[in-house]
Amino acid sequence: MENRSIWSLHGLTGYFIAVGLLLAILVWLTIAAIITQNKTAQQSYEVKDPFGIKMFGPDLENEKHIYVYGHPVGGDTKHKYHFVEKK
């Protein structure tokens, strides 16, 4: 009597499923990267008060001097950029 399981995949079947899954993940990540890059390419930025930027200080503190024209891409909530509507 052989010990078989309905969930075990061996040989070519398991190989094709694994390769198909990896290719699907690759396609999804590539599409997400292209969408993010296209949205980011539409933004411009301006540095306000460049002489107020400190060489040493708390993390992300100098980002308040950067004004980005557009909307945050990908739900960015960590950075302290000022997002301004495009003119």
C-alpha atoms as a PDB file:
ATOM      1  CA  MET A   1       0.000   0.000   0.000  1.00  0.00           C
ATOM      2  CA  GLU A   2       1.328   3.384  -0.986  1.00  0.00           C
ATOM      3  CA  ASN A   3       1.089   6.368   1.311  1.00  0.00           C
ATOM      4  CA  ARG A   4      -0.450   9.032  -0.917  1.00  0.00           C
ATOM      5  CA  SER A   5      -1.813  12.401  -0.035  1.00  0.00           C
ATOM      6  CA  ILE A   6      -4.097  14.534  -2.104  1.00  0.00           C
ATOM      7  CA  TRP A   7      -1.927  17.587  -1.219  1.00  0.00           C
ATOM      8  CA  SER A   8       1.421  16.135  -2.275  1.00  0.00           C
ATOM      9  CA  LEU A   9       2.754  17.216  -5.647  1.00  0.00           C
ATOM     10  CA  HIS A  10       5.760  15.493  -7.126  1.00  0.00           C
ATOM     11  CA  GLY A  11       7.713  15.664 -10.321  1.00  0.00           C
ATOM     12  CA  LEU A  12       6.687  17.835 -13.223  1.00  0.00           C
ATOM     13  CA  THR A  13       3.330  18.841 -11.767  1.00  0.00           C
ATOM     14  CA  GLY A  14       4.901  20.459  -8.706  1.00  0.00           C
ATOM     15  CA  TYR A  15       7.597  22.024 -10.846  1.00  0.00           C
ATOM     16  CA  PHE A  16       5.091  23.643 -13.223  1.00  0.00           C
ATOM     17  CA  ILE A  17       2.968  24.930 -10.350  1.00  0.00           C
ATOM     18  CA  ALA A  18       6.037  26.447  -8.636  1.00  0.00           C
ATOM     19  CA  VAL A  19       7.302  28.070 -11.848  1.00  0.00           C
ATOM     20  CA  GLY A  20       3.839  29.403 -12.684  1.00  0.00           C
ATOM     21  CA  LEU A  21       3.471  30.892  -9.210  1.00  0.00           C
ATOM     22  CA  LEU A  22       6.899  32.547  -9.387  1.00  0.00           C
ATOM     23  CA  LEU A  23       6.164  33.992 -12.832  1.00  0.00           C
ATOM     24  CA  ALA A  24       2.807  35.342 -11.615  1.00  0.00           C
ATOM     25  CA  ILE A  25       4.531  37.053  -8.669  1.00  0.00           C
ATOM     26  CA  LEU A  26       7.165  38.492 -11.018  1.00  0.00           C
ATOM     27  CA  VAL A  27       4.499  39.909 -13.347  1.00  0.00           C
ATOM     28  CA  TRP A  28       2.551  41.429 -10.448  1.00  0.00           C
ATOM     29  CA  LEU A  29       5.642  43.099  -8.946  1.00  0.00           C
ATOM     30  CA  THR A  30       6.727  44.411 -12.345  1.00  0.00           C
ATOM     31  CA  ILE A  31       3.318  45.959 -13.020  1.00  0.00           C
ATOM     32  CA  ALA A  32       3.251  47.521  -9.530  1.00  0.00           C
ATOM     33  CA  ALA A  33       6.739  48.996 -10.055  1.00  0.00           C
ATOM     34  CA  ILE A  34       5.804  50.473 -13.439  1.00  0.00           C
ATOM     35  CA  ILE A  35       2.629  52.052 -12.033  1.00  0.00           C
ATOM     36  CA  THR A  36       4.532  53.546  -9.082  1.00  0.00           C
ATOM     37  CA  GLN A  37       7.296  54.896 -11.309  1.00  0.00           C
ATOM     38  CA  ASN A  38       4.787  56.492 -13.693  1.00  0.00           C
ATOM     39  CA  LYS A  39       2.979  58.218 -10.829  1.00  0.00           C
ATOM     40  CA  THR A  40       6.231  59.417  -9.269  1.00  0.00           C
ATOM     41  CA  ALA A  41       7.522  60.720 -12.613  1.00  0.00           C
ATOM     42  CA  GLN A  42       4.552  63.105 -12.752  1.00  0.00           C
ATOM     43  CA  GLN A  43       5.664  64.832  -9.546  1.00  0.00           C
ATOM     44  CA  SER A  44       8.062  67.732  -9.249  1.00  0.00           C
ATOM     45  CA  TYR A  45       9.590  69.166  -6.111  1.00  0.00           C
ATOM     46  CA  GLU A  46      11.012  72.378  -4.741  1.00  0.00           C
ATOM     47  CA  VAL A  47      13.381  72.969  -1.828  1.00  0.00           C
ATOM     48  CA  LYS A  48      12.288  75.865   0.405  1.00  0.00           C
ATOM     49  CA  ASP A  49      14.779  77.547   2.721  1.00  0.00           C
ATOM     50  CA  PRO A  50      17.834  75.485   1.739  1.00  0.00           C
ATOM     51  CA  PHE A  51      20.009  77.320   4.274  1.00  0.00           C
ATOM     52  CA  GLY A  52      17.779  76.054   7.097  1.00  0.00           C
ATOM     53  CA  ILE A  53      18.732  72.464   6.374  1.00  0.00           C
ATOM     54  CA  LYS A  54      20.936  71.006   9.093  1.00  0.00           C
ATOM     55  CA  MET A  55      23.732  68.550   8.492  1.00  0.00           C
ATOM     56  CA  PHE A  56      23.045  66.733  11.748  1.00  0.00           C
ATOM     57  CA  GLY A  57      19.655  66.356  13.367  1.00  0.00           C
ATOM     58  CA  PRO A  58      16.753  64.016  13.974  1.00  0.00           C
ATOM     59  CA  ASP A  59      15.834  61.543  11.248  1.00  0.00           C
ATOM     60  CA  LEU A  60      13.563  62.904   8.525  1.00  0.00           C
ATOM     61  CA  GLU A  61      13.680  66.422  10.026  1.00  0.00           C
ATOM     62  CA  ASN A  62      15.097  68.025   6.862  1.00  0.00           C
ATOM     63  CA  GLU A  63      12.246  66.670   4.773  1.00  0.00           C
ATOM     64  CA  LYS A  64       9.995  69.506   5.927  1.00  0.00           C
ATOM     65  CA  HIS A  65      11.959  71.776   3.554  1.00  0.00           C
ATOM     66  CA  ILE A  66      10.841  69.778   0.502  1.00  0.00           C
ATOM     67  CA  TYR A  67       7.576  70.639  -1.242  1.00  0.00           C
ATOM     68  CA  VAL A  68       6.324  67.952  -3.615  1.00  0.00           C
ATOM     69  CA  TYR A  69       3.795  68.967  -6.255  1.00  0.00           C
ATOM     70  CA  GLY A  70       1.366  66.069  -6.483  1.00  0.00           C
ATOM     71  CA  HIS A  71      -0.056  63.379  -4.221  1.00  0.00           C
ATOM     72  CA  PRO A  72       1.722  60.778  -2.078  1.00  0.00           C
ATOM     73  CA  VAL A  73       2.394  57.590  -4.039  1.00  0.00           C
ATOM     74  CA  GLY A  74       1.728  54.213  -2.470  1.00  0.00           C
ATOM     75  CA  GLY A  75       0.268  55.499   0.804  1.00  0.00           C
ATOM     76  CA  ASP A  76       3.505  57.093   1.988  1.00  0.00           C
ATOM     77  CA  THR A  77       2.915  58.284   5.558  1.00  0.00           C
ATOM     78  CA  LYS A  78       6.441  58.022   6.976  1.00  0.00           C
ATOM     79  CA  HIS A  79       7.983  61.044   5.285  1.00  0.00           C
ATOM     80  CA  LYS A  80       7.345  64.669   6.258  1.00  0.00           C
ATOM     81  CA  TYR A  81       7.237  66.141   2.776  1.00  0.00           C
ATOM     82  CA  HIS A  82       4.718  68.904   2.124  1.00  0.00           C
ATOM     83  CA  PHE A  83       2.438  67.769  -0.686  1.00  0.00           C
ATOM     84  CA  VAL A  84       0.999  70.633  -2.726  1.00  0.00           C
ATOM     85  CA  GLU A  85      -1.551  70.535  -5.545  1.00  0.00           C
ATOM     86  CA  LYS A  86      -0.075  71.055  -8.990  1.00  0.00           C
ATOM     87  CA  LYS A  87      -0.432  74.549 -10.382  1.00  0.00           C
END
